[in-house]
Amino acid sequence: MEPREFTNIRGKLNKTQKEISQLLGTSIKAIHSYEQGWRTIPAHVERQMFYLAFQRLEMSKKQKSCWQITRCPRSRRDQCPAREFKMYKLCWFICGTLCQGIVHRTWKEKMVFCRKCPVFQPLLKVASSHE
């Protein structure tokens, strides 16, 4: 996650740096450092920010299930953790999913893939816009 994406999501959530630091369980100094680009945004913070945006902005109501968007075959879908945990709209949130038959073991590896996926694209639009 880029500093601008972090800042844009915080703005969309209508949270101050102090409020977002409390939500994320980190210091306000860390938040300031993320937004200035002085510190790399850790995977767990990135994941939480995208999750908060997804929930707050009610994106789940507007979005179809991942298997519908990607036309995932039933054989793969039935074996995927996204199905097991009923996270069809949050498939990007968990590692080990079977997106296009590939298991992404780490968050970093998964995010490279997810950023190109139409399931995750609406969140990226939120993160990149600064309305």
N, C-alpha and C. Protein backbone atom coordinates (compact mmCIF):
# COMPACT_ATOMS: atom_id res chain seq x y z
N MET A 1 0.85 -1.18 0.00
CA MET A 1 0.00 0.00 0.00
C MET A 1 0.88 1.23 0.00
N GLU A 2 0.52 2.14 -0.86
CA GLU A 2 1.25 3.39 -0.95
C GLU A 2 0.73 4.39 0.09
N PRO A 3 1.58 5.33 0.52
CA PRO A 3 1.14 6.32 1.50
C PRO A 3 -0.14 7.07 1.08
N ARG A 4 -0.22 7.41 -0.19
CA ARG A 4 -1.40 8.14 -0.69
C ARG A 4 -2.66 7.29 -0.55
N GLU A 5 -2.57 5.99 -0.82
CA GLU A 5 -3.72 5.10 -0.66
C GLU A 5 -4.17 5.08 0.80
N PHE A 6 -3.20 4.96 1.70
CA PHE A 6 -3.50 4.95 3.13
C PHE A 6 -4.23 6.22 3.53
N THR A 7 -3.68 7.36 3.14
CA THR A 7 -4.26 8.66 3.49
C THR A 7 -5.66 8.81 2.89
N ASN A 8 -5.83 8.40 1.65
CA ASN A 8 -7.14 8.50 1.01
C ASN A 8 -8.18 7.65 1.71
N ILE A 9 -7.81 6.44 2.09
CA ILE A 9 -8.76 5.58 2.80
C ILE A 9 -9.10 6.19 4.15
N ARG A 10 -8.10 6.69 4.86
CA ARG A 10 -8.36 7.33 6.16
C ARG A 10 -9.35 8.48 5.97
N GLY A 11 -9.17 9.26 4.93
CA GLY A 11 -10.08 10.36 4.64
C GLY A 11 -11.49 9.88 4.34
N LYS A 12 -11.61 8.81 3.54
CA LYS A 12 -12.93 8.26 3.21
C LYS A 12 -13.62 7.72 4.46
N LEU A 13 -12.83 7.25 5.42
CA LEU A 13 -13.39 6.75 6.68
C LEU A 13 -13.72 7.89 7.64
N ASN A 14 -13.30 9.10 7.25
CA ASN A 14 -13.54 10.29 8.07
C ASN A 14 -12.91 10.14 9.47
N LYS A 15 -11.66 9.68 9.48
CA LYS A 15 -10.93 9.47 10.73
C LYS A 15 -9.69 10.35 10.77
N THR A 16 -9.41 10.86 11.96
CA THR A 16 -8.16 11.59 12.16
C THR A 16 -7.02 10.58 12.28
N GLN A 17 -5.79 11.08 12.28
CA GLN A 17 -4.66 10.18 12.48
C GLN A 17 -4.76 9.50 13.84
N LYS A 18 -5.17 10.23 14.85
CA LYS A 18 -5.32 9.66 16.18
C LYS A 18 -6.39 8.57 16.19
N GLU A 19 -7.52 8.84 15.58
CA GLU A 19 -8.61 7.85 15.56
C GLU A 19 -8.21 6.59 14.81
N ILE A 20 -7.53 6.75 13.67
CA ILE A 20 -7.13 5.56 12.90
C ILE A 20 -6.05 4.79 13.65
N SER A 21 -5.18 5.50 14.38
CA SER A 21 -4.15 4.80 15.15
C SER A 21 -4.80 3.93 16.23
N GLN A 22 -5.87 4.43 16.84
CA GLN A 22 -6.58 3.65 17.85
C GLN A 22 -7.27 2.43 17.23
N LEU A 23 -7.88 2.63 16.07
CA LEU A 23 -8.53 1.51 15.38
C LEU A 23 -7.54 0.42 14.98
N LEU A 24 -6.36 0.85 14.57
CA LEU A 24 -5.35 -0.11 14.10
C LEU A 24 -4.46 -0.63 15.22
N GLY A 25 -4.58 -0.06 16.41
CA GLY A 25 -3.76 -0.51 17.53
C GLY A 25 -2.30 -0.15 17.37
N THR A 26 -2.05 1.03 16.84
CA THR A 26 -0.67 1.48 16.63
C THR A 26 -0.55 2.93 17.10
N SER A 27 0.63 3.46 17.05
CA SER A 27 0.84 4.82 17.53
C SER A 27 0.48 5.85 16.46
N ILE A 28 0.17 7.04 16.91
CA ILE A 28 -0.11 8.14 15.99
C ILE A 28 1.16 8.48 15.20
N LYS A 29 2.31 8.29 15.82
CA LYS A 29 3.59 8.53 15.14
C LYS A 29 3.75 7.56 13.96
N ALA A 30 3.33 6.32 14.15
CA ALA A 30 3.40 5.33 13.07
C ALA A 30 2.50 5.76 11.91
N ILE A 31 1.29 6.22 12.23
CA ILE A 31 0.36 6.66 11.20
C ILE A 31 0.97 7.82 10.41
N HIS A 32 1.52 8.77 11.12
CA HIS A 32 2.16 9.91 10.46
C HIS A 32 3.29 9.43 9.54
N SER A 33 4.07 8.49 10.02
CA SER A 33 5.17 7.95 9.23
C SER A 33 4.68 7.20 7.99
N TYR A 34 3.57 6.47 8.11
CA TYR A 34 3.01 5.77 6.95
C TYR A 34 2.57 6.79 5.89
N GLU A 35 1.89 7.84 6.35
CA GLU A 35 1.35 8.82 5.41
C GLU A 35 2.44 9.65 4.74
N GLN A 36 3.54 9.87 5.43
CA GLN A 36 4.65 10.63 4.87
C GLN A 36 5.58 9.75 4.03
N GLY A 37 5.41 8.43 4.13
CA GLY A 37 6.26 7.51 3.39
C GLY A 37 7.59 7.23 4.07
N TRP A 38 7.69 7.58 5.33
CA TRP A 38 8.93 7.35 6.08
C TRP A 38 9.04 5.90 6.54
N ARG A 39 7.91 5.23 6.69
CA ARG A 39 7.89 3.82 7.09
C ARG A 39 7.02 3.05 6.11
N THR A 40 7.41 1.84 5.86
CA THR A 40 6.61 0.95 5.02
C THR A 40 5.36 0.55 5.80
N ILE A 41 4.25 0.54 5.14
CA ILE A 41 3.00 0.14 5.77
C ILE A 41 2.99 -1.38 5.88
N PRO A 42 2.96 -1.90 7.12
CA PRO A 42 2.98 -3.36 7.31
C PRO A 42 1.75 -4.04 6.71
N ALA A 43 1.91 -5.30 6.38
CA ALA A 43 0.83 -6.07 5.76
C ALA A 43 -0.43 -6.08 6.61
N HIS A 44 -0.28 -6.23 7.93
CA HIS A 44 -1.47 -6.31 8.78
C HIS A 44 -2.22 -4.97 8.81
N VAL A 45 -1.51 -3.87 8.71
CA VAL A 45 -2.14 -2.55 8.67
C VAL A 45 -2.84 -2.34 7.33
N GLU A 46 -2.18 -2.72 6.25
CA GLU A 46 -2.78 -2.62 4.92
C GLU A 46 -4.08 -3.42 4.87
N ARG A 47 -4.03 -4.63 5.36
CA ARG A 47 -5.19 -5.51 5.36
C ARG A 47 -6.34 -4.88 6.15
N GLN A 48 -6.03 -4.35 7.32
CA GLN A 48 -7.06 -3.72 8.16
C GLN A 48 -7.65 -2.49 7.49
N MET A 49 -6.83 -1.69 6.86
CA MET A 49 -7.33 -0.48 6.18
C MET A 49 -8.30 -0.84 5.05
N PHE A 50 -7.93 -1.82 4.23
CA PHE A 50 -8.82 -2.24 3.16
C PHE A 50 -10.11 -2.84 3.72
N TYR A 51 -9.99 -3.59 4.80
CA TYR A 51 -11.17 -4.19 5.42
C TYR A 51 -12.12 -3.10 5.96
N LEU A 52 -11.57 -2.12 6.66
CA LEU A 52 -12.38 -1.03 7.19
C LEU A 52 -13.08 -0.27 6.06
N ALA A 53 -12.35 -0.01 5.00
CA ALA A 53 -12.93 0.68 3.84
C ALA A 53 -14.07 -0.14 3.24
N PHE A 54 -13.83 -1.42 3.08
CA PHE A 54 -14.84 -2.32 2.50
C PHE A 54 -16.11 -2.31 3.34
N GLN A 55 -15.95 -2.41 4.65
CA GLN A 55 -17.11 -2.47 5.55
C GLN A 55 -17.81 -1.11 5.66
N ARG A 56 -17.08 -0.07 5.87
CA ARG A 56 -17.66 1.25 6.11
C ARG A 56 -18.34 1.80 4.87
N LEU A 57 -17.73 1.57 3.75
CA LEU A 57 -18.27 2.13 2.52
C LEU A 57 -19.34 1.23 1.89
N GLU A 58 -19.71 0.20 2.63
CA GLU A 58 -20.77 -0.72 2.23
C GLU A 58 -20.56 -1.30 0.84
N MET A 59 -19.32 -1.56 0.54
CA MET A 59 -19.01 -2.12 -0.76
C MET A 59 -19.56 -3.54 -0.89
N SER A 60 -19.70 -4.22 0.23
CA SER A 60 -20.19 -5.60 0.20
C SER A 60 -21.62 -5.68 -0.37
N LYS A 61 -22.40 -4.61 -0.20
CA LYS A 61 -23.77 -4.60 -0.71
C LYS A 61 -23.80 -4.44 -2.22
N LYS A 62 -22.79 -3.83 -2.77
CA LYS A 62 -22.76 -3.51 -4.19
C LYS A 62 -22.06 -4.58 -5.03
N GLN A 63 -21.32 -5.44 -4.39
CA GLN A 63 -20.44 -6.35 -5.12
C GLN A 63 -20.99 -7.76 -5.19
N LYS A 64 -20.77 -8.39 -6.31
CA LYS A 64 -21.10 -9.80 -6.48
C LYS A 64 -20.03 -10.65 -5.81
N SER A 65 -20.29 -11.92 -5.69
CA SER A 65 -19.31 -12.86 -5.15
C SER A 65 -18.13 -13.00 -6.10
N CYS A 66 -16.96 -13.31 -5.53
CA CYS A 66 -15.75 -13.45 -6.35
C CYS A 66 -15.92 -14.50 -7.43
N TRP A 67 -16.55 -15.61 -7.10
CA TRP A 67 -16.69 -16.67 -8.09
C TRP A 67 -17.57 -16.25 -9.26
N GLN A 68 -18.52 -15.32 -9.01
CA GLN A 68 -19.36 -14.82 -10.11
C GLN A 68 -18.56 -13.86 -10.99
N ILE A 69 -17.78 -12.99 -10.35
CA ILE A 69 -17.00 -12.00 -11.08
C ILE A 69 -15.93 -12.66 -11.94
N THR A 70 -15.24 -13.64 -11.36
CA THR A 70 -14.13 -14.28 -12.07
C THR A 70 -14.55 -15.53 -12.84
N ARG A 71 -15.83 -15.89 -12.72
CA ARG A 71 -16.34 -17.10 -13.37
C ARG A 71 -15.54 -18.33 -12.96
N CYS A 72 -15.32 -18.43 -11.69
CA CYS A 72 -14.54 -19.53 -11.12
C CYS A 72 -15.30 -20.85 -11.29
N PRO A 73 -14.62 -21.88 -11.80
CA PRO A 73 -15.30 -23.17 -11.95
C PRO A 73 -15.65 -23.78 -10.58
N ARG A 74 -16.77 -24.45 -10.54
CA ARG A 74 -17.26 -25.04 -9.28
C ARG A 74 -16.21 -25.95 -8.63
N SER A 75 -15.48 -26.70 -9.41
CA SER A 75 -14.47 -27.62 -8.85
C SER A 75 -13.42 -26.87 -8.04
N ARG A 76 -13.00 -25.70 -8.51
CA ARG A 76 -12.02 -24.89 -7.78
C ARG A 76 -12.70 -24.17 -6.62
N ARG A 77 -13.84 -23.61 -6.89
CA ARG A 77 -14.59 -22.86 -5.88
C ARG A 77 -14.89 -23.73 -4.65
N ASP A 78 -15.25 -24.99 -4.87
CA ASP A 78 -15.58 -25.88 -3.76
C ASP A 78 -14.39 -26.20 -2.86
N GLN A 79 -13.18 -26.02 -3.36
CA GLN A 79 -11.97 -26.30 -2.58
C GLN A 79 -11.33 -25.04 -1.99
N CYS A 80 -11.87 -23.89 -2.30
CA CYS A 80 -11.26 -22.62 -1.93
C CYS A 80 -11.64 -22.19 -0.51
N PRO A 81 -10.66 -21.68 0.26
CA PRO A 81 -10.96 -21.14 1.59
C PRO A 81 -11.99 -20.01 1.58
N ALA A 82 -12.10 -19.28 0.49
CA ALA A 82 -13.10 -18.21 0.41
C ALA A 82 -14.50 -18.81 0.55
N ARG A 83 -14.72 -19.98 0.03
CA ARG A 83 -16.01 -20.66 0.17
C ARG A 83 -16.14 -21.22 1.57
N GLU A 84 -15.11 -21.88 2.04
CA GLU A 84 -15.15 -22.50 3.36
C GLU A 84 -15.52 -21.49 4.45
N PHE A 85 -14.97 -20.28 4.36
CA PHE A 85 -15.21 -19.26 5.37
C PHE A 85 -16.27 -18.23 4.95
N LYS A 86 -16.97 -18.53 3.85
CA LYS A 86 -18.03 -17.66 3.33
C LYS A 86 -17.55 -16.22 3.15
N MET A 87 -16.40 -16.09 2.49
CA MET A 87 -15.80 -14.79 2.24
C MET A 87 -15.74 -14.50 0.75
N TYR A 88 -16.82 -14.79 0.04
CA TYR A 88 -16.87 -14.60 -1.41
C TYR A 88 -16.64 -13.18 -1.86
N LYS A 89 -16.95 -12.23 -1.00
CA LYS A 89 -16.75 -10.83 -1.35
C LYS A 89 -15.48 -10.27 -0.72
N LEU A 90 -14.87 -11.06 0.13
CA LEU A 90 -13.63 -10.67 0.81
C LEU A 90 -12.51 -11.67 0.53
N CYS A 91 -12.53 -12.29 -0.62
CA CYS A 91 -11.52 -13.30 -0.95
C CYS A 91 -10.11 -12.74 -0.83
N TRP A 92 -9.96 -11.45 -1.12
CA TRP A 92 -8.67 -10.78 -1.06
C TRP A 92 -8.15 -10.68 0.38
N PHE A 93 -9.02 -10.82 1.36
CA PHE A 93 -8.66 -10.63 2.76
C PHE A 93 -7.86 -11.80 3.33
N ILE A 94 -8.05 -12.99 2.77
CA ILE A 94 -7.37 -14.17 3.31
C ILE A 94 -6.40 -14.76 2.30
N CYS A 95 -5.30 -15.25 2.82
CA CYS A 95 -4.32 -15.93 1.97
C CYS A 95 -4.77 -17.37 1.77
N GLY A 96 -4.18 -18.04 0.81
CA GLY A 96 -4.48 -19.44 0.57
C GLY A 96 -5.67 -19.68 -0.34
N THR A 97 -6.27 -18.60 -0.87
CA THR A 97 -7.38 -18.80 -1.80
C THR A 97 -6.85 -19.37 -3.11
N LEU A 98 -7.73 -19.89 -3.92
CA LEU A 98 -7.32 -20.56 -5.15
C LEU A 98 -7.59 -19.72 -6.40
N CYS A 99 -7.32 -18.44 -6.31
CA CYS A 99 -7.55 -17.54 -7.44
C CYS A 99 -6.82 -18.03 -8.68
N GLN A 100 -7.60 -18.28 -9.71
CA GLN A 100 -7.09 -18.81 -10.97
C GLN A 100 -6.25 -20.06 -10.77
N GLY A 101 -6.55 -20.82 -9.73
CA GLY A 101 -5.87 -22.08 -9.46
C GLY A 101 -4.52 -21.94 -8.81
N ILE A 102 -4.16 -20.73 -8.39
CA ILE A 102 -2.86 -20.47 -7.77
C ILE A 102 -3.06 -20.13 -6.30
N VAL A 103 -2.31 -20.79 -5.43
CA VAL A 103 -2.36 -20.47 -4.00
C VAL A 103 -1.32 -19.40 -3.71
N HIS A 104 -1.79 -18.29 -3.19
CA HIS A 104 -0.89 -17.20 -2.81
C HIS A 104 -0.63 -17.32 -1.32
N ARG A 105 0.59 -17.63 -0.95
CA ARG A 105 0.90 -17.97 0.43
C ARG A 105 1.14 -16.77 1.34
N THR A 106 1.61 -15.66 0.79
CA THR A 106 1.87 -14.50 1.63
C THR A 106 0.98 -13.34 1.19
N TRP A 107 0.77 -12.41 2.11
CA TRP A 107 -0.05 -11.23 1.79
C TRP A 107 0.57 -10.44 0.64
N LYS A 108 1.87 -10.25 0.69
CA LYS A 108 2.55 -9.47 -0.35
C LYS A 108 2.35 -10.12 -1.73
N GLU A 109 2.53 -11.42 -1.80
CA GLU A 109 2.35 -12.16 -3.04
C GLU A 109 0.89 -12.05 -3.51
N LYS A 110 -0.02 -12.18 -2.58
CA LYS A 110 -1.44 -12.12 -2.91
C LYS A 110 -1.83 -10.73 -3.41
N MET A 111 -1.32 -9.68 -2.79
CA MET A 111 -1.69 -8.32 -3.19
C MET A 111 -1.22 -7.97 -4.60
N VAL A 112 -0.10 -8.51 -5.02
CA VAL A 112 0.35 -8.28 -6.40
C VAL A 112 -0.72 -8.82 -7.35
N PHE A 113 -1.24 -9.98 -7.05
CA PHE A 113 -2.27 -10.60 -7.86
C PHE A 113 -3.61 -9.87 -7.72
N CYS A 114 -4.02 -9.59 -6.48
CA CYS A 114 -5.33 -8.98 -6.21
C CYS A 114 -5.47 -7.59 -6.84
N ARG A 115 -4.40 -6.83 -6.87
CA ARG A 115 -4.47 -5.48 -7.43
C ARG A 115 -4.85 -5.50 -8.92
N LYS A 116 -4.72 -6.64 -9.57
CA LYS A 116 -5.10 -6.78 -10.98
C LYS A 116 -6.47 -7.44 -11.14
N CYS A 117 -7.07 -7.84 -10.03
CA CYS A 117 -8.31 -8.62 -10.05
C CYS A 117 -9.55 -7.73 -9.97
N PRO A 118 -10.58 -8.01 -10.77
CA PRO A 118 -11.80 -7.19 -10.73
C PRO A 118 -12.56 -7.27 -9.41
N VAL A 119 -12.29 -8.25 -8.59
CA VAL A 119 -12.94 -8.33 -7.28
C VAL A 119 -12.39 -7.24 -6.36
N PHE A 120 -11.10 -6.97 -6.45
CA PHE A 120 -10.42 -6.02 -5.57
C PHE A 120 -10.39 -4.60 -6.14
N GLN A 121 -10.56 -4.47 -7.44
CA GLN A 121 -10.45 -3.18 -8.12
C GLN A 121 -11.31 -2.06 -7.51
N PRO A 122 -12.55 -2.33 -7.08
CA PRO A 122 -13.33 -1.24 -6.47
C PRO A 122 -12.66 -0.62 -5.24
N LEU A 123 -11.97 -1.42 -4.44
CA LEU A 123 -11.25 -0.88 -3.28
C LEU A 123 -10.10 -0.02 -3.72
N LEU A 124 -9.43 -0.39 -4.77
CA LEU A 124 -8.32 0.42 -5.28
C LEU A 124 -8.81 1.76 -5.79
N LYS A 125 -9.99 1.77 -6.37
CA LYS A 125 -10.57 3.05 -6.83
C LYS A 125 -10.83 3.97 -5.65
N VAL A 126 -11.32 3.41 -4.55
CA VAL A 126 -11.54 4.19 -3.34
C VAL A 126 -10.21 4.72 -2.80
N ALA A 127 -9.20 3.86 -2.80
CA ALA A 127 -7.89 4.23 -2.26
C ALA A 127 -7.17 5.25 -3.12
N SER A 128 -7.47 5.27 -4.41
CA SER A 128 -6.75 6.19 -5.28
C SER A 128 -7.45 7.54 -5.46
N SER A 129 -8.72 7.58 -5.12
CA SER A 129 -9.43 8.86 -5.29
C SER A 129 -9.33 9.70 -4.03
N HIS A 130 -9.21 11.00 -4.19
CA HIS A 130 -9.05 11.88 -3.05
C HIS A 130 -10.17 12.94 -3.02
N GLU A 131 -11.39 12.46 -3.10
CA GLU A 131 -12.56 13.36 -3.04
C GLU A 131 -12.74 13.86 -1.63
